[in-house]
């Protein structure tokens, strides 16, 4: 499995937006994204923990490879 980079919450949100997700709402430092019936929560931190990013990718129903391809575009 490819290794995920240490990225900020804003960069993670931009990557999910490239994959077709849109921001639904924000409560405090947590942004909720949705695409159809799939959704995920991204905290707006300077750097996301790898486990937090993996969890968001799983919530969104994506593979790590798909996320990395969109991130590197």
PDB file of N, CA and C in Angstrom:
ATOM      1  N   UNK A   1       0.849  -1.169   0.000  1.00  0.00           N
ATOM      2  CA  UNK A   1       0.000   0.000   0.000  1.00  0.00           C
ATOM      3  C   UNK A   1       0.899   1.238   0.000  1.00  0.00           C
ATOM      4  N   UNK A   2       0.600   2.223  -0.856  1.00  0.00           N
ATOM      5  CA  UNK A   2       1.421   3.420  -0.906  1.00  0.00           C
ATOM      6  C   UNK A   2       1.291   4.237   0.377  1.00  0.00           C
ATOM      7  N   UNK A   3       2.355   4.960   0.691  1.00  0.00           N
ATOM      8  CA  UNK A   3       2.383   5.748   1.909  1.00  0.00           C
ATOM      9  C   UNK A   3       1.698   7.092   1.676  1.00  0.00           C
ATOM     10  N   UNK A   4       0.886   7.501   2.633  1.00  0.00           N
ATOM     11  CA  UNK A   4       0.194   8.781   2.540  1.00  0.00           C
ATOM     12  C   UNK A   4       1.111   9.904   3.012  1.00  0.00           C
ATOM     13  N   UNK A   5       1.038  11.066   2.354  1.00  0.00           N
ATOM     14  CA  UNK A   5       1.864  12.194   2.784  1.00  0.00           C
ATOM     15  C   UNK A   5       1.239  12.907   3.985  1.00  0.00           C
ATOM     16  N   UNK A   6       2.051  13.656   4.718  1.00  0.00           N
ATOM     17  CA  UNK A   6       1.537  14.516   5.784  1.00  0.00           C
ATOM     18  C   UNK A   6       1.027  15.779   5.105  1.00  0.00           C
ATOM     19  N   UNK A   7      -0.281  15.983   5.114  1.00  0.00           N
ATOM     20  CA  UNK A   7      -0.856  17.155   4.463  1.00  0.00           C
ATOM     21  C   UNK A   7      -1.764  17.880   5.440  1.00  0.00           C
ATOM     22  N   UNK A   8      -2.104  19.114   5.099  1.00  0.00           N
ATOM     23  CA  UNK A   8      -2.999  19.903   5.937  1.00  0.00           C
ATOM     24  C   UNK A   8      -4.452  19.543   5.624  1.00  0.00           C
ATOM     25  N   UNK A   9      -5.343  19.986   6.481  1.00  0.00           N
ATOM     26  CA  UNK A   9      -6.762  19.757   6.254  1.00  0.00           C
ATOM     27  C   UNK A   9      -7.249  20.431   4.985  1.00  0.00           C
ATOM     28  N   UNK A  10      -6.732  21.637   4.709  1.00  0.00           N
ATOM     29  CA  UNK A  10      -7.146  22.358   3.502  1.00  0.00           C
ATOM     30  C   UNK A  10      -6.746  21.603   2.237  1.00  0.00           C
ATOM     31  N   UNK A  11      -5.523  21.042   2.230  1.00  0.00           N
ATOM     32  CA  UNK A  11      -5.080  20.275   1.057  1.00  0.00           C
ATOM     33  C   UNK A  11      -5.907  19.006   0.893  1.00  0.00           C
ATOM     34  N   UNK A  12      -6.281  18.388   2.000  1.00  0.00           N
ATOM     35  CA  UNK A  12      -7.121  17.192   1.927  1.00  0.00           C
ATOM     36  C   UNK A  12      -8.483  17.541   1.337  1.00  0.00           C
ATOM     37  N   UNK A  13      -9.049  18.665   1.754  1.00  0.00           N
ATOM     38  CA  UNK A  13     -10.353  19.093   1.232  1.00  0.00           C
ATOM     39  C   UNK A  13     -10.255  19.355  -0.264  1.00  0.00           C
ATOM     40  N   UNK A  14      -9.196  20.030  -0.707  1.00  0.00           N
ATOM     41  CA  UNK A  14      -9.025  20.296  -2.140  1.00  0.00           C
ATOM     42  C   UNK A  14      -8.907  18.996  -2.935  1.00  0.00           C
ATOM     43  N   UNK A  15      -8.233  18.006  -2.357  1.00  0.00           N
ATOM     44  CA  UNK A  15      -8.090  16.717  -3.038  1.00  0.00           C
ATOM     45  C   UNK A  15      -9.435  16.012  -3.142  1.00  0.00           C
ATOM     46  N   UNK A  16     -10.218  16.022  -2.059  1.00  0.00           N
ATOM     47  CA  UNK A  16     -11.549  15.410  -2.116  1.00  0.00           C
ATOM     48  C   UNK A  16     -12.443  16.150  -3.104  1.00  0.00           C
ATOM     49  N   UNK A  17     -12.297  17.468  -3.220  1.00  0.00           N
ATOM     50  CA  UNK A  17     -13.086  18.218  -4.196  1.00  0.00           C
ATOM     51  C   UNK A  17     -12.721  17.811  -5.625  1.00  0.00           C
ATOM     52  N   UNK A  18     -11.437  17.505  -5.877  1.00  0.00           N
ATOM     53  CA  UNK A  18     -11.029  17.005  -7.199  1.00  0.00           C
ATOM     54  C   UNK A  18     -11.713  15.682  -7.512  1.00  0.00           C
ATOM     55  N   UNK A  19     -12.028  14.915  -6.468  1.00  0.00           N
ATOM     56  CA  UNK A  19     -12.669  13.610  -6.641  1.00  0.00           C
ATOM     57  C   UNK A  19     -14.191  13.710  -6.694  1.00  0.00           C
ATOM     58  N   UNK A  20     -14.729  14.932  -6.722  1.00  0.00           N
ATOM     59  CA  UNK A  20     -16.164  15.112  -6.877  1.00  0.00           C
ATOM     60  C   UNK A  20     -16.926  15.386  -5.600  1.00  0.00           C
ATOM     61  N   UNK A  21     -16.256  15.478  -4.469  1.00  0.00           N
ATOM     62  CA  UNK A  21     -16.924  15.780  -3.210  1.00  0.00           C
ATOM     63  C   UNK A  21     -17.132  17.283  -3.102  1.00  0.00           C
ATOM     64  N   UNK A  22     -18.148  17.686  -2.360  1.00  0.00           N
ATOM     65  CA  UNK A  22     -18.388  19.107  -2.140  1.00  0.00           C
ATOM     66  C   UNK A  22     -18.602  19.357  -0.650  1.00  0.00           C
ATOM     67  N   UNK A  23     -18.251  20.566  -0.229  1.00  0.00           N
ATOM     68  CA  UNK A  23     -18.398  20.947   1.175  1.00  0.00           C
ATOM     69  C   UNK A  23     -19.876  21.169   1.457  1.00  0.00           C
ATOM     70  N   UNK A  24     -20.396  20.457   2.463  1.00  0.00           N
ATOM     71  CA  UNK A  24     -21.798  20.585   2.836  1.00  0.00           C
ATOM     72  C   UNK A  24     -21.944  21.617   3.941  1.00  0.00           C
ATOM     73  N   UNK A  25     -21.093  21.500   4.965  1.00  0.00           N
ATOM     74  CA  UNK A  25     -21.163  22.436   6.083  1.00  0.00           C
ATOM     75  C   UNK A  25     -19.877  22.348   6.886  1.00  0.00           C
ATOM     76  N   UNK A  26     -19.762  23.275   7.821  1.00  0.00           N
ATOM     77  CA  UNK A  26     -18.608  23.289   8.713  1.00  0.00           C
ATOM     78  C   UNK A  26     -19.101  23.600  10.113  1.00  0.00           C
ATOM     79  N   UNK A  27     -18.555  22.873  11.078  1.00  0.00           N
ATOM     80  CA  UNK A  27     -18.877  23.149  12.473  1.00  0.00           C
ATOM     81  C   UNK A  27     -17.555  23.229  13.227  1.00  0.00           C
ATOM     82  N   UNK A  28     -17.188  24.427  13.615  1.00  0.00           N
ATOM     83  CA  UNK A  28     -15.903  24.620  14.276  1.00  0.00           C
ATOM     84  C   UNK A  28     -14.776  24.338  13.307  1.00  0.00           C
ATOM     85  N   UNK A  29     -13.891  23.433  13.688  1.00  0.00           N
ATOM     86  CA  UNK A  29     -12.742  23.122  12.835  1.00  0.00           C
ATOM     87  C   UNK A  29     -12.954  21.862  12.007  1.00  0.00           C
ATOM     88  N   UNK A  30     -14.182  21.379  11.908  1.00  0.00           N
ATOM     89  CA  UNK A  30     -14.462  20.165  11.138  1.00  0.00           C
ATOM     90  C   UNK A  30     -15.345  20.496   9.934  1.00  0.00           C
ATOM     91  N   UNK A  31     -14.891  20.068   8.755  1.00  0.00           N
ATOM     92  CA  UNK A  31     -15.612  20.302   7.508  1.00  0.00           C
ATOM     93  C   UNK A  31     -16.213  18.979   7.056  1.00  0.00           C
ATOM     94  N   UNK A  32     -17.496  19.011   6.706  1.00  0.00           N
ATOM     95  CA  UNK A  32     -18.202  17.809   6.255  1.00  0.00           C
ATOM     96  C   UNK A  32     -18.330  17.880   4.737  1.00  0.00           C
ATOM     97  N   UNK A  33     -17.853  16.839   4.064  1.00  0.00           N
ATOM     98  CA  UNK A  33     -17.906  16.735   2.607  1.00  0.00           C
ATOM     99  C   UNK A  33     -18.860  15.613   2.219  1.00  0.00           C
ATOM    100  N   UNK A  34     -19.482  15.742   1.051  1.00  0.00           N
ATOM    101  CA  UNK A  34     -20.420  14.718   0.614  1.00  0.00           C
ATOM    102  C   UNK A  34     -20.385  14.586  -0.903  1.00  0.00           C
ATOM    103  N   UNK A  35     -20.568  13.340  -1.345  1.00  0.00           N
ATOM    104  CA  UNK A  35     -20.730  13.019  -2.770  1.00  0.00           C
ATOM    105  C   UNK A  35     -21.759  11.911  -2.823  1.00  0.00           C
ATOM    106  N   UNK A  36     -22.969  12.254  -3.224  1.00  0.00           N
ATOM    107  CA  UNK A  36     -24.049  11.268  -3.219  1.00  0.00           C
ATOM    108  C   UNK A  36     -24.360  10.844  -1.805  1.00  0.00           C
ATOM    109  N   UNK A  37     -24.328   9.541  -1.554  1.00  0.00           N
ATOM    110  CA  UNK A  37     -24.611   9.041  -0.204  1.00  0.00           C
ATOM    111  C   UNK A  37     -23.343   8.886   0.626  1.00  0.00           C
ATOM    112  N   UNK A  38     -22.172   9.080   0.017  1.00  0.00           N
ATOM    113  CA  UNK A  38     -20.894   8.958   0.730  1.00  0.00           C
ATOM    114  C   UNK A  38     -20.496  10.314   1.296  1.00  0.00           C
ATOM    115  N   UNK A  39     -19.886  10.285   2.454  1.00  0.00           N
ATOM    116  CA  UNK A  39     -19.430  11.522   3.063  1.00  0.00           C
ATOM    117  C   UNK A  39     -18.233  11.282   3.944  1.00  0.00           C
ATOM    118  N   UNK A  40     -17.564  12.360   4.324  1.00  0.00           N
ATOM    119  CA  UNK A  40     -16.429  12.252   5.235  1.00  0.00           C
ATOM    120  C   UNK A  40     -16.259  13.570   5.976  1.00  0.00           C
ATOM    121  N   UNK A  41     -15.556  13.497   7.088  1.00  0.00           N
ATOM    122  CA  UNK A  41     -15.304  14.652   7.934  1.00  0.00           C
ATOM    123  C   UNK A  41     -13.803  14.908   7.945  1.00  0.00           C
ATOM    124  N   UNK A  42     -13.415  16.151   7.650  1.00  0.00           N
ATOM    125  CA  UNK A  42     -12.006  16.532   7.627  1.00  0.00           C
ATOM    126  C   UNK A  42     -11.780  17.630   8.661  1.00  0.00           C
ATOM    127  N   UNK A  43     -10.870  17.411   9.613  1.00  0.00           N
ATOM    128  CA  UNK A  43     -10.536  18.487  10.549  1.00  0.00           C
ATOM    129  C   UNK A  43      -9.588  19.490   9.885  1.00  0.00           C
ATOM    130  N   UNK A  44      -9.776  20.766  10.183  1.00  0.00           N
ATOM    131  CA  UNK A  44      -8.919  21.807   9.614  1.00  0.00           C
ATOM    132  C   UNK A  44      -7.698  22.005  10.499  1.00  0.00           C
ATOM    133  N   UNK A  45      -6.773  21.065  10.448  1.00  0.00           N
ATOM    134  CA  UNK A  45      -5.538  21.147  11.212  1.00  0.00           C
ATOM    135  C   UNK A  45      -4.382  21.439  10.268  1.00  0.00           C
ATOM    136  N   UNK A  46      -3.285  21.948  10.824  1.00  0.00           N
ATOM    137  CA  UNK A  46      -2.118  22.248   9.987  1.00  0.00           C
ATOM    138  C   UNK A  46      -1.542  20.990   9.369  1.00  0.00           C
ATOM    139  N   UNK A  47      -1.535  19.902  10.114  1.00  0.00           N
ATOM    140  CA  UNK A  47      -1.134  18.620   9.528  1.00  0.00           C
ATOM    141  C   UNK A  47      -2.029  17.532  10.105  1.00  0.00           C
ATOM    142  N   UNK A  48      -2.582  16.738   9.210  1.00  0.00           N
ATOM    143  CA  UNK A  48      -3.466  15.650   9.624  1.00  0.00           C
ATOM    144  C   UNK A  48      -2.638  14.430   9.988  1.00  0.00           C
ATOM    145  N   UNK A  49      -3.044  13.744  11.033  1.00  0.00           N
ATOM    146  CA  UNK A  49      -2.415  12.473  11.370  1.00  0.00           C
ATOM    147  C   UNK A  49      -2.733  11.474  10.258  1.00  0.00           C
ATOM    148  N   UNK A  50      -1.816  10.573   9.994  1.00  0.00           N
ATOM    149  CA  UNK A  50      -2.000   9.591   8.924  1.00  0.00           C
ATOM    150  C   UNK A  50      -3.256   8.760   9.167  1.00  0.00           C
ATOM    151  N   UNK A  51      -3.506   8.363  10.404  1.00  0.00           N
ATOM    152  CA  UNK A  51      -4.696   7.577  10.725  1.00  0.00           C
ATOM    153  C   UNK A  51      -5.979   8.340  10.471  1.00  0.00           C
ATOM    154  N   UNK A  52      -5.964   9.645  10.742  1.00  0.00           N
ATOM    155  CA  UNK A  52      -7.137  10.484  10.493  1.00  0.00           C
ATOM    156  C   UNK A  52      -7.420  10.568   9.001  1.00  0.00           C
ATOM    157  N   UNK A  53      -6.370  10.740   8.208  1.00  0.00           N
ATOM    158  CA  UNK A  53      -6.537  10.812   6.756  1.00  0.00           C
ATOM    159  C   UNK A  53      -7.024   9.480   6.195  1.00  0.00           C
ATOM    160  N   UNK A  54      -6.461   8.368   6.674  1.00  0.00           N
ATOM    161  CA  UNK A  54      -6.918   7.043   6.230  1.00  0.00           C
ATOM    162  C   UNK A  54      -8.383   6.834   6.567  1.00  0.00           C
ATOM    163  N   UNK A  55      -8.785   7.272   7.754  1.00  0.00           N
ATOM    164  CA  UNK A  55     -10.176   7.128   8.171  1.00  0.00           C
ATOM    165  C   UNK A  55     -11.108   7.925   7.257  1.00  0.00           C
ATOM    166  N   UNK A  56     -10.718   9.146   6.904  1.00  0.00           N
ATOM    167  CA  UNK A  56     -11.534   9.968   6.012  1.00  0.00           C
ATOM    168  C   UNK A  56     -11.644   9.328   4.630  1.00  0.00           C
ATOM    169  N   UNK A  57     -10.554   8.745   4.154  1.00  0.00           N
ATOM    170  CA  UNK A  57     -10.572   8.075   2.847  1.00  0.00           C
ATOM    171  C   UNK A  57     -11.509   6.870   2.891  1.00  0.00           C
ATOM    172  N   UNK A  58     -11.476   6.111   3.986  1.00  0.00           N
ATOM    173  CA  UNK A  58     -12.388   4.963   4.145  1.00  0.00           C
ATOM    174  C   UNK A  58     -13.838   5.426   4.230  1.00  0.00           C
ATOM    175  N   UNK A  59     -14.102   6.503   4.985  1.00  0.00           N
ATOM    176  CA  UNK A  59     -15.464   7.036   5.097  1.00  0.00           C
ATOM    177  C   UNK A  59     -16.010   7.408   3.727  1.00  0.00           C
ATOM    178  N   UNK A  60     -15.137   7.937   2.874  1.00  0.00           N
ATOM    179  CA  UNK A  60     -15.548   8.377   1.544  1.00  0.00           C
ATOM    180  C   UNK A  60     -15.709   7.217   0.572  1.00  0.00           C
ATOM    181  N   UNK A  61     -15.310   6.016   0.977  1.00  0.00           N
ATOM    182  CA  UNK A  61     -15.435   4.852   0.110  1.00  0.00           C
ATOM    183  C   UNK A  61     -14.391   4.815  -0.990  1.00  0.00           C
ATOM    184  N   UNK A  62     -13.220   5.386  -0.736  1.00  0.00           N
ATOM    185  CA  UNK A  62     -12.156   5.451  -1.733  1.00  0.00           C
ATOM    186  C   UNK A  62     -11.008   4.525  -1.370  1.00  0.00           C
ATOM    187  N   UNK A  63     -10.149   4.281  -2.356  1.00  0.00           N
ATOM    188  CA  UNK A  63      -8.889   3.584  -2.125  1.00  0.00           C
ATOM    189  C   UNK A  63      -7.803   4.628  -1.904  1.00  0.00           C
ATOM    190  N   UNK A  64      -6.761   4.235  -1.207  1.00  0.00           N
ATOM    191  CA  UNK A  64      -5.629   5.131  -0.979  1.00  0.00           C
ATOM    192  C   UNK A  64      -5.002   5.545  -2.304  1.00  0.00           C
ATOM    193  N   UNK A  65      -4.934   4.616  -3.247  1.00  0.00           N
ATOM    194  CA  UNK A  65      -4.332   4.911  -4.547  1.00  0.00           C
ATOM    195  C   UNK A  65      -5.107   6.004  -5.283  1.00  0.00           C
ATOM    196  N   UNK A  66      -6.454   5.924  -5.250  1.00  0.00           N
ATOM    197  CA  UNK A  66      -7.283   6.938  -5.904  1.00  0.00           C
ATOM    198  C   UNK A  66      -7.034   8.315  -5.297  1.00  0.00           C
ATOM    199  N   UNK A  67      -6.934   8.357  -3.971  1.00  0.00           N
ATOM    200  CA  UNK A  67      -6.689   9.621  -3.287  1.00  0.00           C
ATOM    201  C   UNK A  67      -5.329  10.195  -3.690  1.00  0.00           C
ATOM    202  N   UNK A  68      -4.303   9.340  -3.727  1.00  0.00           N
ATOM    203  CA  UNK A  68      -2.957   9.808  -4.068  1.00  0.00           C
ATOM    204  C   UNK A  68      -2.867  10.301  -5.510  1.00  0.00           C
ATOM    205  N   UNK A  69      -3.575   9.643  -6.420  1.00  0.00           N
ATOM    206  CA  UNK A  69      -3.581  10.088  -7.818  1.00  0.00           C
ATOM    207  C   UNK A  69      -4.182  11.488  -7.915  1.00  0.00           C
ATOM    208  N   UNK A  70      -5.304  11.715  -7.234  1.00  0.00           N
ATOM    209  CA  UNK A  70      -5.934  13.040  -7.249  1.00  0.00           C
ATOM    210  C   UNK A  70      -5.056  14.070  -6.548  1.00  0.00           C
ATOM    211  N   UNK A  71      -4.378  13.671  -5.482  1.00  0.00           N
ATOM    212  CA  UNK A  71      -3.506  14.589  -4.737  1.00  0.00           C
ATOM    213  C   UNK A  71      -2.323  15.033  -5.591  1.00  0.00           C
ATOM    214  N   UNK A  72      -1.774  14.131  -6.387  1.00  0.00           N
ATOM    215  CA  UNK A  72      -0.586  14.438  -7.187  1.00  0.00           C
ATOM    216  C   UNK A  72      -0.895  15.143  -8.501  1.00  0.00           C
ATOM    217  N   UNK A  73      -2.152  15.333  -8.843  1.00  0.00           N
ATOM    218  CA  UNK A  73      -2.508  16.022 -10.094  1.00  0.00           C
ATOM    219  C   UNK A  73      -2.330  17.506  -9.945  1.00  0.00           C
TER     220      UNK A  73
END
